[in-house]
């Protein structure tokens, strides 16, 4: 049980470290509420959904790697990181 708590704490801390990527107040509140409720997958997808919006600037490689790591740690298999990388590559000069 101790290892599971450490895992959740690690994931929560990693997600918290990415909250500055969310510039919309309502989206940030939803993200923070999800974290507080330990709804970590919901928080991660709230972050990804915001970053994938057309009006949101592409994410740089460092946060993208952290988002990829979070998907792996939480064993989530979807196309979020692929779409974020494509968005970033499309914005590259």
C-alpha atoms as a PDB file:
ATOM      1  CA  UNK A   1       0.000   0.000   0.000  1.00  0.00           C
ATOM      2  CA  UNK A   2       2.923   2.308   0.766  1.00  0.00           C
ATOM      3  CA  UNK A   3       4.285   2.002  -2.783  1.00  0.00           C
ATOM      4  CA  UNK A   4       0.869   2.851  -4.252  1.00  0.00           C
ATOM      5  CA  UNK A   5       0.659   5.992  -2.116  1.00  0.00           C
ATOM      6  CA  UNK A   6       4.143   6.995  -3.242  1.00  0.00           C
ATOM      7  CA  UNK A   7       3.126   6.390  -6.847  1.00  0.00           C
ATOM      8  CA  UNK A   8       0.030   8.591  -6.529  1.00  0.00           C
ATOM      9  CA  UNK A   9       2.030  11.275  -4.747  1.00  0.00           C
ATOM     10  CA  UNK A  10       4.692  11.208  -7.494  1.00  0.00           C
ATOM     11  CA  UNK A  11       2.100  11.450 -10.266  1.00  0.00           C
ATOM     12  CA  UNK A  12       0.267  14.239  -8.427  1.00  0.00           C
ATOM     13  CA  UNK A  13       3.511  16.198  -7.987  1.00  0.00           C
ATOM     14  CA  UNK A  14       4.425  15.742 -11.645  1.00  0.00           C
ATOM     15  CA  UNK A  15       0.995  16.950 -12.737  1.00  0.00           C
ATOM     16  CA  UNK A  16       1.167  19.900 -10.353  1.00  0.00           C
ATOM     17  CA  UNK A  17       4.476  20.848 -11.938  1.00  0.00           C
ATOM     18  CA  UNK A  18       2.709  21.235 -15.285  1.00  0.00           C
ATOM     19  CA  UNK A  19      -0.191  23.381 -14.123  1.00  0.00           C
ATOM     20  CA  UNK A  20       1.477  26.590 -15.311  1.00  0.00           C
ATOM     21  CA  UNK A  21       0.856  25.382 -18.864  1.00  0.00           C
ATOM     22  CA  UNK A  22      -2.867  26.061 -18.346  1.00  0.00           C
ATOM     23  CA  UNK A  23      -3.560  29.745 -18.874  1.00  0.00           C
ATOM     24  CA  UNK A  24      -7.368  29.581 -18.786  1.00  0.00           C
ATOM     25  CA  UNK A  25      -8.733  30.198 -15.259  1.00  0.00           C
ATOM     26  CA  UNK A  26     -11.724  27.848 -15.587  1.00  0.00           C
ATOM     27  CA  UNK A  27      -9.610  25.045 -17.025  1.00  0.00           C
ATOM     28  CA  UNK A  28      -7.005  25.557 -14.311  1.00  0.00           C
ATOM     29  CA  UNK A  29      -9.664  25.357 -11.598  1.00  0.00           C
ATOM     30  CA  UNK A  30     -11.002  22.109 -13.087  1.00  0.00           C
ATOM     31  CA  UNK A  31      -7.459  20.719 -13.290  1.00  0.00           C
ATOM     32  CA  UNK A  32      -6.734  21.643  -9.655  1.00  0.00           C
ATOM     33  CA  UNK A  33     -10.079  20.231  -8.452  1.00  0.00           C
ATOM     34  CA  UNK A  34      -9.291  16.976 -10.237  1.00  0.00           C
ATOM     35  CA  UNK A  35      -5.894  16.812  -8.533  1.00  0.00           C
ATOM     36  CA  UNK A  36      -7.419  17.552  -5.136  1.00  0.00           C
ATOM     37  CA  UNK A  37      -9.905  14.713  -5.639  1.00  0.00           C
ATOM     38  CA  UNK A  38      -7.042  12.410  -6.703  1.00  0.00           C
ATOM     39  CA  UNK A  39      -8.641  12.081 -10.142  1.00  0.00           C
ATOM     40  CA  UNK A  40      -5.235  12.024 -11.764  1.00  0.00           C
ATOM     41  CA  UNK A  41      -6.312  10.678 -15.151  1.00  0.00           C
ATOM     42  CA  UNK A  42      -9.004  13.365 -15.368  1.00  0.00           C
ATOM     43  CA  UNK A  43      -6.422  16.027 -14.505  1.00  0.00           C
ATOM     44  CA  UNK A  44      -3.991  14.726 -17.130  1.00  0.00           C
ATOM     45  CA  UNK A  45      -6.651  14.733 -19.816  1.00  0.00           C
ATOM     46  CA  UNK A  46      -7.817  18.200 -18.791  1.00  0.00           C
ATOM     47  CA  UNK A  47      -4.233  19.348 -19.331  1.00  0.00           C
ATOM     48  CA  UNK A  48      -3.934  17.571 -22.684  1.00  0.00           C
ATOM     49  CA  UNK A  49      -7.309  18.836 -23.881  1.00  0.00           C
ATOM     50  CA  UNK A  50      -6.297  22.406 -23.102  1.00  0.00           C
ATOM     51  CA  UNK A  51      -2.914  22.034 -24.802  1.00  0.00           C
ATOM     52  CA  UNK A  52      -4.524  20.531 -27.897  1.00  0.00           C
ATOM     53  CA  UNK A  53      -6.889  23.455 -28.410  1.00  0.00           C
ATOM     54  CA  UNK A  54      -6.077  25.366 -31.614  1.00  0.00           C
ATOM     55  CA  UNK A  55      -5.687  28.674 -29.768  1.00  0.00           C
ATOM     56  CA  UNK A  56      -3.202  27.217 -27.276  1.00  0.00           C
ATOM     57  CA  UNK A  57       0.476  27.473 -28.290  1.00  0.00           C
ATOM     58  CA  UNK A  58       2.315  24.185 -28.909  1.00  0.00           C
ATOM     59  CA  UNK A  59       4.026  22.645 -25.922  1.00  0.00           C
ATOM     60  CA  UNK A  60       7.821  22.454 -25.905  1.00  0.00           C
ATOM     61  CA  UNK A  61       9.767  19.194 -25.735  1.00  0.00           C
ATOM     62  CA  UNK A  62      10.445  19.197 -21.973  1.00  0.00           C
ATOM     63  CA  UNK A  63       6.783  19.357 -20.898  1.00  0.00           C
ATOM     64  CA  UNK A  64       5.888  16.976 -23.708  1.00  0.00           C
ATOM     65  CA  UNK A  65       8.335  14.399 -22.339  1.00  0.00           C
ATOM     66  CA  UNK A  66       6.816  14.826 -18.874  1.00  0.00           C
ATOM     67  CA  UNK A  67       3.323  14.309 -20.292  1.00  0.00           C
ATOM     68  CA  UNK A  68       4.579  11.170 -22.057  1.00  0.00           C
ATOM     69  CA  UNK A  69       6.086   9.964 -18.772  1.00  0.00           C
ATOM     70  CA  UNK A  70       2.799  10.584 -16.956  1.00  0.00           C
ATOM     71  CA  UNK A  71       0.899   8.572 -19.552  1.00  0.00           C
ATOM     72  CA  UNK A  72       3.363   5.707 -19.054  1.00  0.00           C
ATOM     73  CA  UNK A  73       3.252   5.912 -15.245  1.00  0.00           C
ATOM     74  CA  UNK A  74      -0.536   5.849 -15.305  1.00  0.00           C
ATOM     75  CA  UNK A  75      -0.592   3.149 -18.011  1.00  0.00           C
ATOM     76  CA  UNK A  76      -2.780   5.293 -20.267  1.00  0.00           C
ATOM     77  CA  UNK A  77      -2.632   4.391 -23.920  1.00  0.00           C
ATOM     78  CA  UNK A  78      -4.173   7.066 -26.099  1.00  0.00           C
ATOM     79  CA  UNK A  79      -3.072   9.483 -28.779  1.00  0.00           C
ATOM     80  CA  UNK A  80      -2.643  12.616 -26.617  1.00  0.00           C
ATOM     81  CA  UNK A  81       1.129  12.726 -26.720  1.00  0.00           C
ATOM     82  CA  UNK A  82       1.216  11.894 -30.428  1.00  0.00           C
ATOM     83  CA  UNK A  83      -1.191  14.747 -31.172  1.00  0.00           C
ATOM     84  CA  UNK A  84       0.759  17.143 -28.932  1.00  0.00           C
ATOM     85  CA  UNK A  85       3.997  16.218 -30.720  1.00  0.00           C
ATOM     86  CA  UNK A  86       2.350  16.697 -34.118  1.00  0.00           C
ATOM     87  CA  UNK A  87       1.091  20.109 -33.026  1.00  0.00           C
ATOM     88  CA  UNK A  88       4.590  21.067 -31.868  1.00  0.00           C
ATOM     89  CA  UNK A  89       6.175  19.759 -35.089  1.00  0.00           C
ATOM     90  CA  UNK A  90       3.654  21.676 -37.172  1.00  0.00           C
ATOM     91  CA  UNK A  91       4.659  24.906 -35.420  1.00  0.00           C
ATOM     92  CA  UNK A  92       8.401  24.352 -35.851  1.00  0.00           C
ATOM     93  CA  UNK A  93      10.083  26.848 -38.199  1.00  0.00           C
END
